[in-house]
Protein backbone atom coordinates (compact mmCIF):
# COMPACT_ATOMS: atom_id res chain seq x y z
CA UNK A 1 162.52 66.80 -5.95
CA UNK A 2 161.76 66.16 -2.33
CA UNK A 3 162.69 62.86 -0.69
CA UNK A 4 159.63 60.94 0.42
CA UNK A 5 159.21 57.36 1.84
CA UNK A 6 155.66 55.78 1.89
CA UNK A 7 154.66 53.22 4.69
CA UNK A 8 151.46 51.54 3.86
CA UNK A 9 149.24 49.54 6.20
CA UNK A 10 146.01 47.77 5.88
CA UNK A 11 144.27 49.32 8.81
CA UNK A 12 144.61 52.33 11.22
CA UNK A 13 145.24 50.11 14.33
CA UNK A 14 148.42 48.65 12.68
CA UNK A 15 149.49 52.05 11.50
CA UNK A 16 149.09 53.60 14.96
CA UNK A 17 151.45 51.12 16.62
CA UNK A 18 154.15 51.68 13.98
CA UNK A 19 153.78 55.51 13.99
CA UNK A 20 153.85 55.51 17.76
CA UNK A 21 156.96 53.33 17.75
CA UNK A 22 158.73 55.62 15.39
CA UNK A 23 157.82 58.79 17.29
CA UNK A 24 159.02 57.05 20.41
CA UNK A 25 162.37 56.61 18.74
CA UNK A 26 162.45 60.32 17.91
CA UNK A 27 161.66 61.19 21.42
CA UNK A 28 164.30 58.83 22.88
CA UNK A 29 167.04 60.14 20.53
CA UNK A 30 166.19 63.76 21.29
CA UNK A 31 166.33 63.25 24.95
CA UNK A 32 169.54 61.41 24.64
CA UNK A 33 171.14 64.03 22.40
CA UNK A 34 169.73 67.19 23.93
CA UNK A 35 168.22 66.27 27.25
CA UNK A 36 164.68 67.09 25.99
CA UNK A 37 162.25 66.52 23.10
CA UNK A 38 160.05 69.11 21.54
CA UNK A 39 157.17 67.92 19.22
CA UNK A 40 154.52 69.77 17.15
CA UNK A 41 151.58 67.60 16.89
CA UNK A 42 148.37 67.62 14.81
CA UNK A 43 144.86 68.01 16.24
CA UNK A 44 141.53 66.58 15.27
CA UNK A 45 140.28 62.90 15.46
CA UNK A 46 142.75 61.18 13.15
CA UNK A 47 145.82 61.24 15.34
CA UNK A 48 144.13 60.35 18.60
CA UNK A 49 144.69 56.53 18.32
CA UNK A 50 148.38 57.04 17.62
CA UNK A 51 148.78 59.33 20.54
CA UNK A 52 146.98 56.94 22.71
CA UNK A 53 149.52 54.13 21.83
CA UNK A 54 152.26 56.60 22.36
CA UNK A 55 151.15 57.68 25.70
CA UNK A 56 151.63 53.93 26.89
CA UNK A 57 155.29 54.15 26.23
CA UNK A 58 157.82 54.40 28.86
CA UNK A 59 159.95 57.54 28.51
CA UNK A 60 161.16 60.18 30.81
CA UNK A 61 158.05 62.14 29.91
CA UNK A 62 159.09 65.06 32.05
CA UNK A 63 161.58 65.92 29.37
CA UNK A 64 158.95 66.01 26.63
CA UNK A 65 157.25 69.07 25.56
CA UNK A 66 154.52 69.12 23.00
CA UNK A 67 152.27 71.69 21.29
CA UNK A 68 149.56 71.64 18.50
CA UNK A 69 150.49 72.64 15.00
CA UNK A 70 147.22 74.61 14.88
CA UNK A 71 144.43 75.64 17.31
CA UNK A 72 140.85 76.64 17.22
CA UNK A 73 140.01 79.94 18.71
CA UNK A 74 137.65 78.63 21.39
CA UNK A 75 136.99 79.02 25.07
CA UNK A 76 138.87 76.93 27.66
CA UNK A 77 137.54 73.36 27.80
CA UNK A 78 135.95 73.42 24.41
CA UNK A 79 135.49 70.13 22.74
CA UNK A 80 137.16 71.89 19.60
CA UNK A 81 140.25 72.71 21.30
CA UNK A 82 143.34 70.79 20.15
CA UNK A 83 145.17 71.66 23.25
CA UNK A 84 142.43 69.96 25.32
CA UNK A 85 142.76 66.85 23.17
CA UNK A 86 146.56 66.62 23.70
CA UNK A 87 146.35 67.49 27.35
CA UNK A 88 143.78 64.74 27.81
CA UNK A 89 145.88 61.95 26.10
CA UNK A 90 149.53 63.04 27.05
CA UNK A 91 149.02 65.32 30.13
CA UNK A 92 148.74 62.08 32.41
CA UNK A 93 152.08 60.91 31.19
CA UNK A 94 153.92 63.88 32.85
CA UNK A 95 154.75 65.52 29.37
CA UNK A 96 154.42 69.34 29.31
CA UNK A 97 151.54 70.19 26.89
CA UNK A 98 151.76 73.85 25.80
CA UNK A 99 148.74 75.72 24.44
CA UNK A 100 149.17 78.12 21.54
CA UNK A 101 146.56 80.46 23.07
CA UNK A 102 145.39 81.47 26.58
CA UNK A 103 141.82 80.07 26.12
CA UNK A 104 140.55 82.06 29.08
CA UNK A 105 140.85 85.23 26.96
CA UNK A 106 138.75 86.39 24.10
CA UNK A 107 140.74 87.07 21.00
CA UNK A 108 140.25 88.49 17.51
CA UNK A 109 141.71 86.31 14.81
CA UNK A 110 144.57 88.59 14.30
CA UNK A 111 145.36 88.85 18.05
CA UNK A 112 145.20 85.15 18.36
CA UNK A 113 147.78 84.82 15.57
CA UNK A 114 150.07 87.32 17.31
CA UNK A 115 149.77 85.65 20.72
CA UNK A 116 150.53 82.25 19.22
CA UNK A 117 153.54 83.50 17.30
CA UNK A 118 154.98 84.85 20.47
CA UNK A 119 154.37 81.65 22.47
CA UNK A 120 156.18 79.63 19.72
CA UNK A 121 159.30 81.90 20.08
CA UNK A 122 159.73 79.98 23.44
CA UNK A 123 160.72 76.64 21.73
CA UNK A 124 164.05 75.66 20.52
CA UNK A 125 164.01 75.75 16.68
CA UNK A 126 164.02 73.55 14.71
CA UNK A 127 161.99 71.21 16.95
CA UNK A 128 162.45 67.49 16.89
CA UNK A 129 159.33 66.53 15.09
CA UNK A 130 156.65 68.28 12.99
CA UNK A 131 153.68 65.87 12.44
CA UNK A 132 151.18 66.81 9.74
CA UNK A 133 147.88 65.49 8.88
CA UNK A 134 145.70 66.31 5.71
CA UNK A 135 142.17 67.07 5.26
CA UNK A 136 140.00 65.96 2.31
CA UNK A 137 140.79 69.29 0.63
CA UNK A 138 144.51 69.10 0.96
CA UNK A 139 144.67 71.34 3.98
CA UNK A 140 147.30 70.81 6.61
CA UNK A 141 147.44 72.32 10.15
CA UNK A 142 145.05 75.15 9.61
CA UNK A 143 146.29 76.19 6.19
CA UNK A 144 143.15 75.92 3.93
CA UNK A 145 143.14 76.09 0.14
CA UNK A 146 141.33 79.33 -0.36
CA UNK A 147 143.33 81.35 2.24
CA UNK A 148 146.86 79.84 2.25
CA UNK A 149 148.79 82.71 0.99
CA UNK A 150 149.54 84.30 4.27
CA UNK A 151 150.57 81.13 5.92
CA UNK A 152 152.62 79.95 2.88
CA UNK A 153 154.37 83.33 2.21
CA UNK A 154 154.87 84.49 5.80
CA UNK A 155 158.28 85.86 6.64
CA UNK A 156 160.63 83.10 8.14
CA UNK A 157 160.48 84.85 11.48
CA UNK A 158 156.66 84.52 11.70
CA UNK A 159 155.77 81.21 13.06
CA UNK A 160 151.90 81.51 13.49
CA UNK A 161 149.09 83.57 12.11
CA UNK A 162 145.33 83.77 12.68
CA UNK A 163 143.07 82.52 9.91
CA UNK A 164 139.40 82.20 8.97
CA UNK A 165 139.09 78.86 7.11
CA UNK A 166 137.87 78.75 3.58
CA UNK A 167 136.27 76.28 3.25
CA UNK A 168 134.99 76.47 6.68
CA UNK A 169 135.07 72.82 8.15
CA UNK A 170 131.60 71.73 9.20
CA UNK A 171 132.87 69.76 12.03
CA UNK A 172 134.56 72.67 13.77
CA UNK A 173 133.22 76.02 12.31
CA UNK A 174 135.51 78.47 14.05
CA UNK A 175 138.48 80.66 13.25
CA UNK A 176 141.94 79.09 13.96
CA UNK A 177 145.50 80.00 14.53
CA UNK A 178 148.11 77.94 12.50
CA UNK A 179 151.90 77.49 12.24
CA UNK A 180 153.25 79.07 8.94
CA UNK A 181 155.05 77.00 6.36
CA UNK A 182 158.31 78.35 7.55
CA UNK A 183 157.55 77.09 11.14
CA UNK A 184 156.28 73.73 9.88
CA UNK A 185 159.49 73.30 7.88
CA UNK A 186 161.82 74.04 11.02
CA UNK A 187 162.03 70.40 12.16
CA UNK A 188 164.68 67.74 12.40
CA UNK A 189 161.99 65.15 11.28
CA UNK A 190 158.75 65.56 9.43
CA UNK A 191 156.05 62.90 9.21
CA UNK A 192 152.53 62.93 7.46
CA UNK A 193 149.68 60.50 8.44
CA UNK A 194 146.54 59.90 6.46
CA UNK A 195 144.07 57.21 5.51
CA UNK A 196 141.85 56.31 2.65
CA UNK A 197 142.37 55.88 -1.20
CA UNK A 198 141.09 59.36 -1.92
CA UNK A 199 143.55 61.12 0.24
CA UNK A 200 146.51 59.04 -0.98
CA UNK A 201 145.60 60.00 -4.49
CA UNK A 202 145.28 63.73 -3.59
CA UNK A 203 148.70 63.69 -1.56
CA UNK A 204 150.47 61.76 -4.49
CA UNK A 205 149.30 64.48 -6.89
CA UNK A 206 150.15 67.36 -4.38
CA UNK A 207 153.65 66.01 -4.10
CA UNK A 208 154.11 65.62 -8.04
CA UNK A 209 152.88 69.21 -8.47
CA UNK A 210 155.41 70.47 -6.03
CA UNK A 211 155.65 74.25 -5.87
CA UNK A 212 152.80 74.52 -8.37
CA UNK A 213 150.35 72.56 -6.20
CA UNK A 214 147.03 74.21 -5.59
CA UNK A 215 146.47 72.56 -2.10
CA UNK A 216 148.37 73.61 1.10
CA UNK A 217 149.98 70.18 1.88
CA UNK A 218 151.63 70.21 -1.56
CA UNK A 219 153.00 73.82 -1.14
CA UNK A 220 154.29 72.96 2.34
CA UNK A 221 156.06 69.75 1.41
CA UNK A 222 157.58 71.31 -1.70
CA UNK A 223 159.93 73.35 0.36
CA UNK A 224 161.26 70.74 2.71
CA UNK A 225 164.89 69.95 2.89
CA UNK A 226 164.67 66.80 5.04
CA UNK A 227 163.32 63.31 4.09
CA UNK A 228 159.51 62.97 4.76
CA UNK A 229 158.07 59.75 6.02
CA UNK A 230 154.40 59.20 4.99
CA UNK A 231 152.26 56.82 6.80
CA UNK A 232 149.03 55.70 5.08
CA UNK A 233 146.41 53.18 6.07
CA UNK A 234 143.80 51.80 3.59
CA UNK A 235 140.93 52.45 6.07
């Protein structure tokens, strides 16, 4: 059975402050120990308030390197790009924000996965933090319920693959690259953030189901060998 600790909050604003504080501690400890911090961060809308609080913290940001756990295969500057979101919020701090793709090139889904995999080889594994979110369908990173086998069962040496989501998210209907389960598990610390009663119920069931879970977040977390901190807000 995996080791999980839940941290529950009444609202997203309070949670943002607490999560940012804990990530700040991870960054400070990594810099003190290794002279650098490397973090895999989620994209989308949910983590943005947390990142905005984190960006106000006073670190030696020049020693911090971040990259998205997943990316949309889109052109440079696209509103769908997770890299663009991270760069907008964390770039001004002086942190290095690394893209998974060269967004000035046009990629097939397979080629994009191969390119992202090669880029991830340039990080020091395990990284200091993998931060996961979760969709309403139990997806995490860009591992989706109906097409999760390749990402879940990829060889350990494979860190990223290309994927056509199923179901396709209406808010960003494009192909993606995603870190594989093996890469997501290669971390000194793992956290999950989510909000709402429905998602909490879904995640609790996914954890209980363990390796037999039929949703990606359950299949990923079932194989973790480190404690997981889960931050949940009621709204």
